Amino acid sequence: QLVDTAAKAGPFFPFRGTDQPANASAAV
């Protein structure tokens, strides 16, 4: 069984004044 959790990070948006992707990353 796959279970969602309440632990969420983001959303991470581009820096103000740019249209570049956030390039965010995560690690357990």
Full PDB file with SEQRES, HELIX, SHEET, SSBOND, CRYST1, ORIGX, SCALE, CONECT and MASTER records, all heavy atoms in Angstrom:
SEQRES   1 A   28  GLN LEU VAL ASP THR ALA ALA LYS ALA GLY PRO PHE PHE          
SEQRES   2 A   28  PRO PHE ARG GLY THR ASP GLN PRO ALA ASN ALA SER ALA          
SEQRES   3 A   28  ALA VAL                                                      
CRYST1    1.000    1.000    1.000  90.00  90.00  90.00 P 1           1          
ORIGX1      1.000000  0.000000  0.000000        0.00000                         
ORIGX2      0.000000  1.000000  0.000000        0.00000                         
ORIGX3      0.000000  0.000000  1.000000        0.00000                         
SCALE1      1.000000  0.000000  0.000000        0.00000                         
SCALE2      0.000000  1.000000  0.000000        0.00000                         
SCALE3      0.000000  0.000000  1.000000        0.00000                         
ATOM      1  N   GLN A   1       0.827  -1.199   0.000  1.00  0.00           N  
ATOM      2  CA  GLN A   1       0.000   0.000   0.000  1.00  0.00           C  
ATOM      3  C   GLN A   1       0.865   1.254   0.000  1.00  0.00           C  
ATOM      4  O   GLN A   1       1.788   1.398   0.807  1.00  0.00           O  
ATOM      5  CB  GLN A   1      -0.929   0.019   1.218  1.00  0.00           C  
ATOM      6  CG  GLN A   1      -1.851   1.232   1.260  1.00  0.00           C  
ATOM      7  CD  GLN A   1      -2.726   1.252   2.501  1.00  0.00           C  
ATOM      8  OE1 GLN A   1      -2.609   0.388   3.372  1.00  0.00           O  
ATOM      9  NE2 GLN A   1      -3.613   2.235   2.586  1.00  0.00           N  
ATOM     10  N   LEU A   2       0.569   2.184  -0.903  1.00  0.00           N  
ATOM     11  CA  LEU A   2       1.286   3.454  -0.994  1.00  0.00           C  
ATOM     12  C   LEU A   2       0.515   4.506  -0.205  1.00  0.00           C  
ATOM     13  O   LEU A   2      -0.696   4.684  -0.406  1.00  0.00           O  
ATOM     14  CB  LEU A   2       1.424   3.878  -2.448  1.00  0.00           C  
ATOM     15  CG  LEU A   2       2.320   5.082  -2.740  1.00  0.00           C  
ATOM     16  CD1 LEU A   2       3.767   4.774  -2.392  1.00  0.00           C  
ATOM     17  CD2 LEU A   2       2.208   5.480  -4.210  1.00  0.00           C  
ATOM     18  N   VAL A   3       1.218   5.212   0.692  1.00  0.00           N  
ATOM     19  CA  VAL A   3       0.565   6.152   1.607  1.00  0.00           C  
ATOM     20  C   VAL A   3       1.212   7.520   1.473  1.00  0.00           C  
ATOM     21  O   VAL A   3       2.435   7.655   1.564  1.00  0.00           O  
ATOM     22  CB  VAL A   3       0.663   5.667   3.069  1.00  0.00           C  
ATOM     23  CG1 VAL A   3      -0.018   6.661   4.012  1.00  0.00           C  
ATOM     24  CG2 VAL A   3       0.063   4.280   3.218  1.00  0.00           C  
ATOM     25  N   ASP A   4       0.400   8.551   1.268  1.00  0.00           N  
ATOM     26  CA  ASP A   4       0.901   9.925   1.288  1.00  0.00           C  
ATOM     27  C   ASP A   4       1.088  10.372   2.738  1.00  0.00           C  
ATOM     28  O   ASP A   4       0.406   9.892   3.647  1.00  0.00           O  
ATOM     29  CB  ASP A   4      -0.071  10.869   0.581  1.00  0.00           C  
ATOM     30  CG  ASP A   4      -0.117  10.644  -0.917  1.00  0.00           C  
ATOM     31  OD1 ASP A   4       0.908  10.218  -1.482  1.00  0.00           O  
ATOM     32  OD2 ASP A   4      -1.184  10.867  -1.521  1.00  0.00           O  
ATOM     33  N   THR A   5       2.007  11.306   2.962  1.00  0.00           N  
ATOM     34  CA  THR A   5       2.251  11.826   4.302  1.00  0.00           C  
ATOM     35  C   THR A   5       2.032  13.335   4.317  1.00  0.00           C  
ATOM     36  O   THR A   5       1.831  13.974   3.283  1.00  0.00           O  
ATOM     37  CB  THR A   5       3.682  11.530   4.783  1.00  0.00           C  
ATOM     38  OG1 THR A   5       4.600  12.431   4.145  1.00  0.00           O  
ATOM     39  CG2 THR A   5       4.077  10.091   4.475  1.00  0.00           C  
ATOM     40  N   ALA A   6       2.115  13.896   5.521  1.00  0.00           N  
ATOM     41  CA  ALA A   6       1.958  15.338   5.687  1.00  0.00           C  
ATOM     42  C   ALA A   6       3.278  16.080   5.531  1.00  0.00           C  
ATOM     43  O   ALA A   6       3.314  17.306   5.642  1.00  0.00           O  
ATOM     44  CB  ALA A   6       1.360  15.635   7.068  1.00  0.00           C  
ATOM     45  N   ALA A   7       4.360  15.365   5.282  1.00  0.00           N  
ATOM     46  CA  ALA A   7       5.679  15.989   5.158  1.00  0.00           C  
ATOM     47  C   ALA A   7       5.897  16.434   3.723  1.00  0.00           C  
ATOM     48  O   ALA A   7       6.103  15.607   2.827  1.00  0.00           O  
ATOM     49  CB  ALA A   7       6.763  15.017   5.595  1.00  0.00           C  
ATOM     50  N   LYS A   8       5.835  17.745   3.488  1.00  0.00           N  
ATOM     51  CA  LYS A   8       5.954  18.298   2.142  1.00  0.00           C  
ATOM     52  C   LYS A   8       6.891  19.491   2.169  1.00  0.00           C  
ATOM     53  O   LYS A   8       6.863  20.293   3.103  1.00  0.00           O  
ATOM     54  CB  LYS A   8       4.578  18.730   1.623  1.00  0.00           C  
ATOM     55  CG  LYS A   8       3.549  17.603   1.615  1.00  0.00           C  
ATOM     56  CD  LYS A   8       2.188  18.097   1.167  1.00  0.00           C  
ATOM     57  CE  LYS A   8       1.137  16.993   1.265  1.00  0.00           C  
ATOM     58  NZ  LYS A   8       1.436  15.859   0.373  1.00  0.00           N  
ATOM     59  N   ALA A   9       7.716  19.630   1.130  1.00  0.00           N  
ATOM     60  CA  ALA A   9       8.648  20.754   1.006  1.00  0.00           C  
ATOM     61  C   ALA A   9       8.387  21.468  -0.310  1.00  0.00           C  
ATOM     62  O   ALA A   9       8.312  20.840  -1.360  1.00  0.00           O  
ATOM     63  CB  ALA A   9      10.093  20.268   1.055  1.00  0.00           C  
ATOM     64  N   GLY A  10       8.261  22.784  -0.256  1.00  0.00           N  
ATOM     65  CA  GLY A  10       7.995  23.572  -1.453  1.00  0.00           C  
ATOM     66  C   GLY A  10       6.535  23.972  -1.535  1.00  0.00           C  
ATOM     67  O   GLY A  10       5.777  23.827  -0.570  1.00  0.00           O  
ATOM     68  N   PRO A  11       6.100  24.514  -2.683  1.00  0.00           N  
ATOM     69  CA  PRO A  11       6.873  24.589  -3.935  1.00  0.00           C  
ATOM     70  C   PRO A  11       7.968  25.647  -3.904  1.00  0.00           C  
ATOM     71  O   PRO A  11       7.862  26.641  -3.194  1.00  0.00           O  
ATOM     72  CB  PRO A  11       5.799  24.951  -4.977  1.00  0.00           C  
ATOM     73  CG  PRO A  11       4.750  25.675  -4.183  1.00  0.00           C  
ATOM     74  CD  PRO A  11       4.731  25.028  -2.833  1.00  0.00           C  
ATOM     75  N   PHE A  12       9.022  25.380  -4.673  1.00  0.00           N  
ATOM     76  CA  PHE A  12      10.140  26.298  -4.820  1.00  0.00           C  
ATOM     77  C   PHE A  12      10.026  26.954  -6.188  1.00  0.00           C  
ATOM     78  O   PHE A  12      10.015  26.278  -7.211  1.00  0.00           O  
ATOM     79  CB  PHE A  12      11.462  25.549  -4.683  1.00  0.00           C  
ATOM     80  CG  PHE A  12      11.596  24.851  -3.354  1.00  0.00           C  
ATOM     81  CD1 PHE A  12      11.359  23.486  -3.240  1.00  0.00           C  
ATOM     82  CD2 PHE A  12      11.955  25.557  -2.219  1.00  0.00           C  
ATOM     83  CE1 PHE A  12      11.476  22.843  -2.026  1.00  0.00           C  
ATOM     84  CE2 PHE A  12      12.067  24.915  -0.991  1.00  0.00           C  
ATOM     85  CZ  PHE A  12      11.832  23.558  -0.887  1.00  0.00           C  
ATOM     86  N   PHE A  13       9.950  28.280  -6.192  1.00  0.00           N  
ATOM     87  CA  PHE A  13       9.723  29.034  -7.432  1.00  0.00           C  
ATOM     88  C   PHE A  13      11.021  29.678  -7.904  1.00  0.00           C  
ATOM     89  O   PHE A  13      11.987  29.798  -7.138  1.00  0.00           O  
ATOM     90  CB  PHE A  13       8.663  30.113  -7.194  1.00  0.00           C  
ATOM     91  CG  PHE A  13       7.316  29.569  -6.855  1.00  0.00           C  
ATOM     92  CD1 PHE A  13       6.896  29.496  -5.529  1.00  0.00           C  
ATOM     93  CD2 PHE A  13       6.469  29.113  -7.845  1.00  0.00           C  
ATOM     94  CE1 PHE A  13       5.653  28.986  -5.209  1.00  0.00           C  
ATOM     95  CE2 PHE A  13       5.213  28.600  -7.533  1.00  0.00           C  
ATOM     96  CZ  PHE A  13       4.808  28.536  -6.210  1.00  0.00           C  
ATOM     97  N   PRO A  14      11.035  30.132  -9.174  1.00  0.00           N  
ATOM     98  CA  PRO A  14      12.220  30.840  -9.670  1.00  0.00           C  
ATOM     99  C   PRO A  14      12.469  32.098  -8.846  1.00  0.00           C  
ATOM    100  O   PRO A  14      11.566  32.642  -8.210  1.00  0.00           O  
ATOM    101  CB  PRO A  14      11.847  31.187 -11.111  1.00  0.00           C  
ATOM    102  CG  PRO A  14      10.761  30.235 -11.471  1.00  0.00           C  
ATOM    103  CD  PRO A  14      10.013  29.971 -10.198  1.00  0.00           C  
ATOM    104  N   PHE A  15      13.718  32.559  -8.850  1.00  0.00           N  
ATOM    105  CA  PHE A  15      14.042  33.791  -8.149  1.00  0.00           C  
ATOM    106  C   PHE A  15      13.302  34.964  -8.786  1.00  0.00           C  
ATOM    107  O   PHE A  15      13.028  34.977  -9.984  1.00  0.00           O  
ATOM    108  CB  PHE A  15      15.550  34.049  -8.178  1.00  0.00           C  
ATOM    109  CG  PHE A  15      16.324  33.099  -7.315  1.00  0.00           C  
ATOM    110  CD1 PHE A  15      17.118  32.116  -7.884  1.00  0.00           C  
ATOM    111  CD2 PHE A  15      16.240  33.176  -5.941  1.00  0.00           C  
ATOM    112  CE1 PHE A  15      17.821  31.233  -7.091  1.00  0.00           C  
ATOM    113  CE2 PHE A  15      16.940  32.295  -5.136  1.00  0.00           C  
ATOM    114  CZ  PHE A  15      17.742  31.321  -5.704  1.00  0.00           C  
ATOM    115  N   ARG A  16      12.966  35.941  -7.964  1.00  0.00           N  
ATOM    116  CA  ARG A  16      12.226  37.108  -8.426  1.00  0.00           C  
ATOM    117  C   ARG A  16      12.941  37.770  -9.604  1.00  0.00           C  
ATOM    118  O   ARG A  16      14.148  37.995  -9.572  1.00  0.00           O  
ATOM    119  CB  ARG A  16      12.075  38.115  -7.287  1.00  0.00           C  
ATOM    120  CG  ARG A  16      11.136  39.295  -7.608  1.00  0.00           C  
ATOM    121  CD  ARG A  16      11.127  40.280  -6.449  1.00  0.00           C  
ATOM    122  NE  ARG A  16      10.692  39.641  -5.233  1.00  0.00           N  
ATOM    123  CZ  ARG A  16       9.415  39.496  -4.871  1.00  0.00           C  
ATOM    124  NH1 ARG A  16       8.456  39.956  -5.670  1.00  0.00           N  
ATOM    125  NH2 ARG A  16       9.095  38.911  -3.728  1.00  0.00           N  
ATOM    126  N   GLY A  17      12.184  38.091 -10.630  1.00  0.00           N  
ATOM    127  CA  GLY A  17      12.743  38.784 -11.777  1.00  0.00           C  
ATOM    128  C   GLY A  17      13.374  37.876 -12.814  1.00  0.00           C  
ATOM    129  O   GLY A  17      13.961  38.344 -13.776  1.00  0.00           O  
ATOM    130  N   THR A  18      13.278  36.539 -12.608  1.00  0.00           N  
ATOM    131  CA  THR A  18      13.841  35.599 -13.574  1.00  0.00           C  
ATOM    132  C   THR A  18      12.777  34.593 -13.975  1.00  0.00           C  
ATOM    133  O   THR A  18      11.755  34.431 -13.296  1.00  0.00           O  
ATOM    134  CB  THR A  18      15.042  34.828 -13.008  1.00  0.00           C  
ATOM    135  OG1 THR A  18      14.579  33.838 -12.077  1.00  0.00           O  
ATOM    136  CG2 THR A  18      16.014  35.770 -12.299  1.00  0.00           C  
ATOM    137  N   ASP A  19      13.016  33.917 -15.088  1.00  0.00           N  
ATOM    138  CA  ASP A  19      12.125  32.839 -15.503  1.00  0.00           C  
ATOM    139  C   ASP A  19      12.857  31.504 -15.506  1.00  0.00           C  
ATOM    140  O   ASP A  19      12.424  30.535 -16.121  1.00  0.00           O  
ATOM    141  CB  ASP A  19      11.547  33.119 -16.890  1.00  0.00           C  
ATOM    142  CG  ASP A  19      12.633  33.288 -17.962  1.00  0.00           C  
ATOM    143  OD1 ASP A  19      13.827  33.215 -17.610  1.00  0.00           O  
ATOM    144  OD2 ASP A  19      12.267  33.498 -19.133  1.00  0.00           O  
ATOM    145  N   GLN A  20      13.982  31.462 -14.783  1.00  0.00           N  
ATOM    146  CA  GLN A  20      14.755  30.234 -14.727  1.00  0.00           C  
ATOM    147  C   GLN A  20      14.127  29.257 -13.745  1.00  0.00           C  
ATOM    148  O   GLN A  20      13.598  29.664 -12.704  1.00  0.00           O  
ATOM    149  CB  GLN A  20      16.204  30.522 -14.311  1.00  0.00           C  
ATOM    150  CG  GLN A  20      16.968  31.397 -15.291  1.00  0.00           C  
ATOM    151  CD  GLN A  20      17.062  30.739 -16.655  1.00  0.00           C  
ATOM    152  OE1 GLN A  20      17.425  29.571 -16.764  1.00  0.00           O  
ATOM    153  NE2 GLN A  20      16.703  31.486 -17.701  1.00  0.00           N  
ATOM    154  N   PRO A  21      14.164  27.944 -14.020  1.00  0.00           N  
ATOM    155  CA  PRO A  21      13.621  26.958 -13.089  1.00  0.00           C  
ATOM    156  C   PRO A  21      14.303  27.045 -11.727  1.00  0.00           C  
ATOM    157  O   PRO A  21      15.433  27.514 -11.610  1.00  0.00           O  
ATOM    158  CB  PRO A  21      13.926  25.619 -13.775  1.00  0.00           C  
ATOM    159  CG  PRO A  21      14.075  25.957 -15.218  1.00  0.00           C  
ATOM    160  CD  PRO A  21      14.671  27.337 -15.254  1.00  0.00           C  
ATOM    161  N   ALA A  22      13.601  26.594 -10.696  1.00  0.00           N  
ATOM    162  CA  ALA A  22      14.131  26.687  -9.335  1.00  0.00           C  
ATOM    163  C   ALA A  22      15.369  25.819  -9.139  1.00  0.00           C  
ATOM    164  O   ALA A  22      16.235  26.137  -8.332  1.00  0.00           O  
ATOM    165  CB  ALA A  22      13.044  26.273  -8.339  1.00  0.00           C  
ATOM    166  N   ASN A  23      15.470  24.683  -9.859  1.00  0.00           N  
ATOM    167  CA  ASN A  23      16.586  23.751  -9.676  1.00  0.00           C  
ATOM    168  C   ASN A  23      16.712  23.315  -8.226  1.00  0.00           C  
ATOM    169  O   ASN A  23      17.810  23.194  -7.692  1.00  0.00           O  
ATOM    170  CB  ASN A  23      17.904  24.362 -10.160  1.00  0.00           C  
ATOM    171  CG  ASN A  23      17.985  24.433 -11.669  1.00  0.00           C  
ATOM    172  OD1 ASN A  23      17.409  23.598 -12.363  1.00  0.00           O  
ATOM    173  ND2 ASN A  23      18.683  25.435 -12.183  1.00  0.00           N  
ATOM    174  N   ALA A  24      15.575  23.122  -7.584  1.00  0.00           N  
ATOM    175  CA  ALA A  24      15.580  22.656  -6.200  1.00  0.00           C  
ATOM    176  C   ALA A  24      15.967  21.184  -6.149  1.00  0.00           C  
ATOM    177  O   ALA A  24      15.850  20.459  -7.139  1.00  0.00           O  
ATOM    178  CB  ALA A  24      14.200  22.864  -5.575  1.00  0.00           C  
ATOM    179  N   SER A  25      16.438  20.731  -4.986  1.00  0.00           N  
ATOM    180  CA  SER A  25      16.800  19.326  -4.820  1.00  0.00           C  
ATOM    181  C   SER A  25      16.438  18.877  -3.417  1.00  0.00           C  
ATOM    182  O   SER A  25      16.211  19.699  -2.525  1.00  0.00           O  
ATOM    183  CB  SER A  25      18.294  19.104  -5.083  1.00  0.00           C  
ATOM    184  OG  SER A  25      19.080  19.893  -4.212  1.00  0.00           O  
ATOM    185  N   ALA A  26      16.356  17.577  -3.231  1.00  0.00           N  
ATOM    186  CA  ALA A  26      15.987  17.019  -1.932  1.00  0.00           C  
ATOM    187  C   ALA A  26      16.752  15.735  -1.701  1.00  0.00           C  
ATOM    188  O   ALA A  26      17.133  15.052  -2.648  1.00  0.00           O  
ATOM    189  CB  ALA A  26      14.483  16.756  -1.864  1.00  0.00           C  
ATOM    190  N   ALA A  27      16.976  15.409  -0.431  1.00  0.00           N  
ATOM    191  CA  ALA A  27      17.676  14.172  -0.093  1.00  0.00           C  
ATOM    192  C   ALA A  27      17.137  13.628   1.217  1.00  0.00           C  
ATOM    193  O   ALA A  27      16.923  14.387   2.168  1.00  0.00           O  
ATOM    194  CB  ALA A  27      19.179  14.418   0.033  1.00  0.00           C  
ATOM    195  N   VAL A  28      16.893  12.348   1.267  1.00  0.00           N  
ATOM    196  CA  VAL A  28      16.576  11.670   2.518  1.00  0.00           C  
ATOM    197  C   VAL A  28      17.887  11.162   3.101  1.00  0.00           C  
ATOM    198  O   VAL A  28      18.583  10.363   2.475  1.00  0.00           O  
ATOM    199  CB  VAL A  28      15.599  10.504   2.298  1.00  0.00           C  
ATOM    200  CG1 VAL A  28      15.472   9.656   3.560  1.00  0.00           C  
ATOM    201  CG2 VAL A  28      14.228  11.029   1.892  1.00  0.00           C  
TER     202      VAL A  28                                                      
MASTER        0    0    0    0    0    0    0    6  201    1    0    3          
END                                                                             
